[in-house]
């Protein structure tokens, strides 16, 4: 999850497509929130399933 909050993977990608960090940050926050809900749900349901 921390790779979505601080996307160091995006630094080379941003230089290739000539975008600013602010251009993708909104998308990263949305993906982070969705991923957070899915991961939290999986951790809460895993003791019930196993």
C-alpha atoms as a PDB file:
ATOM      1  CA  UNK A   1       0.000   0.000   0.000  1.00  0.00           C
ATOM      2  CA  UNK A   2       2.825   2.391   0.687  1.00  0.00           C
ATOM      3  CA  UNK A   3       3.933   2.199  -2.943  1.00  0.00           C
ATOM      4  CA  UNK A   4       0.657   3.834  -3.890  1.00  0.00           C
ATOM      5  CA  UNK A   5       0.996   6.630  -1.323  1.00  0.00           C
ATOM      6  CA  UNK A   6       4.572   7.449  -2.373  1.00  0.00           C
ATOM      7  CA  UNK A   7       4.850   6.123  -5.909  1.00  0.00           C
ATOM      8  CA  UNK A   8       8.607   5.982  -6.478  1.00  0.00           C
ATOM      9  CA  UNK A   9       7.825   3.611  -9.349  1.00  0.00           C
ATOM     10  CA  UNK A  10       6.248   6.572 -11.138  1.00  0.00           C
ATOM     11  CA  UNK A  11       9.358   8.775 -11.251  1.00  0.00           C
ATOM     12  CA  UNK A  12      10.796   7.224 -14.442  1.00  0.00           C
ATOM     13  CA  UNK A  13       7.316   6.951 -15.950  1.00  0.00           C
ATOM     14  CA  UNK A  14       6.581  10.625 -15.326  1.00  0.00           C
ATOM     15  CA  UNK A  15       9.797  11.683 -17.004  1.00  0.00           C
ATOM     16  CA  UNK A  16       9.014   9.595 -20.085  1.00  0.00           C
ATOM     17  CA  UNK A  17       5.476  10.937 -20.556  1.00  0.00           C
ATOM     18  CA  UNK A  18       6.401  14.439 -19.328  1.00  0.00           C
ATOM     19  CA  UNK A  19       3.817  14.732 -16.581  1.00  0.00           C
ATOM     20  CA  UNK A  20       4.048  16.273 -13.149  1.00  0.00           C
ATOM     21  CA  UNK A  21       3.612  14.339  -9.936  1.00  0.00           C
ATOM     22  CA  UNK A  22       0.406  16.268  -9.242  1.00  0.00           C
ATOM     23  CA  UNK A  23      -1.129  14.919 -12.445  1.00  0.00           C
ATOM     24  CA  UNK A  24      -1.209  11.344 -11.140  1.00  0.00           C
ATOM     25  CA  UNK A  25      -1.584  11.908  -7.406  1.00  0.00           C
ATOM     26  CA  UNK A  26      -5.391  12.052  -7.534  1.00  0.00           C
ATOM     27  CA  UNK A  27      -5.524   8.686  -9.263  1.00  0.00           C
ATOM     28  CA  UNK A  28      -3.092   7.205  -6.748  1.00  0.00           C
ATOM     29  CA  UNK A  29      -5.248   8.354  -3.832  1.00  0.00           C
ATOM     30  CA  UNK A  30      -8.368   6.759  -5.343  1.00  0.00           C
ATOM     31  CA  UNK A  31      -6.525   3.483  -5.985  1.00  0.00           C
ATOM     32  CA  UNK A  32      -5.110   3.602  -2.449  1.00  0.00           C
ATOM     33  CA  UNK A  33      -8.541   4.018  -0.870  1.00  0.00           C
ATOM     34  CA  UNK A  34     -10.038   1.148  -2.869  1.00  0.00           C
ATOM     35  CA  UNK A  35      -7.038  -1.049  -2.083  1.00  0.00           C
ATOM     36  CA  UNK A  36      -7.252  -0.104   1.602  1.00  0.00           C
ATOM     37  CA  UNK A  37     -10.893  -1.206   1.820  1.00  0.00           C
ATOM     38  CA  UNK A  38     -10.175  -4.511   0.045  1.00  0.00           C
ATOM     39  CA  UNK A  39      -7.095  -5.264   2.149  1.00  0.00           C
ATOM     40  CA  UNK A  40      -8.783  -4.366   5.426  1.00  0.00           C
ATOM     41  CA  UNK A  41     -11.765  -6.549   4.557  1.00  0.00           C
ATOM     42  CA  UNK A  42      -9.492  -9.442   3.670  1.00  0.00           C
ATOM     43  CA  UNK A  43      -7.616  -9.180   6.959  1.00  0.00           C
ATOM     44  CA  UNK A  44     -10.838  -9.093   8.957  1.00  0.00           C
ATOM     45  CA  UNK A  45     -12.370 -12.028   7.071  1.00  0.00           C
ATOM     46  CA  UNK A  46      -9.282 -14.250   6.960  1.00  0.00           C
ATOM     47  CA  UNK A  47      -9.643 -15.596  10.550  1.00  0.00           C
ATOM     48  CA  UNK A  48     -13.222 -16.598   9.765  1.00  0.00           C
ATOM     49  CA  UNK A  49     -12.276 -18.466   6.617  1.00  0.00           C
ATOM     50  CA  UNK A  50      -9.222 -20.340   7.872  1.00  0.00           C
END
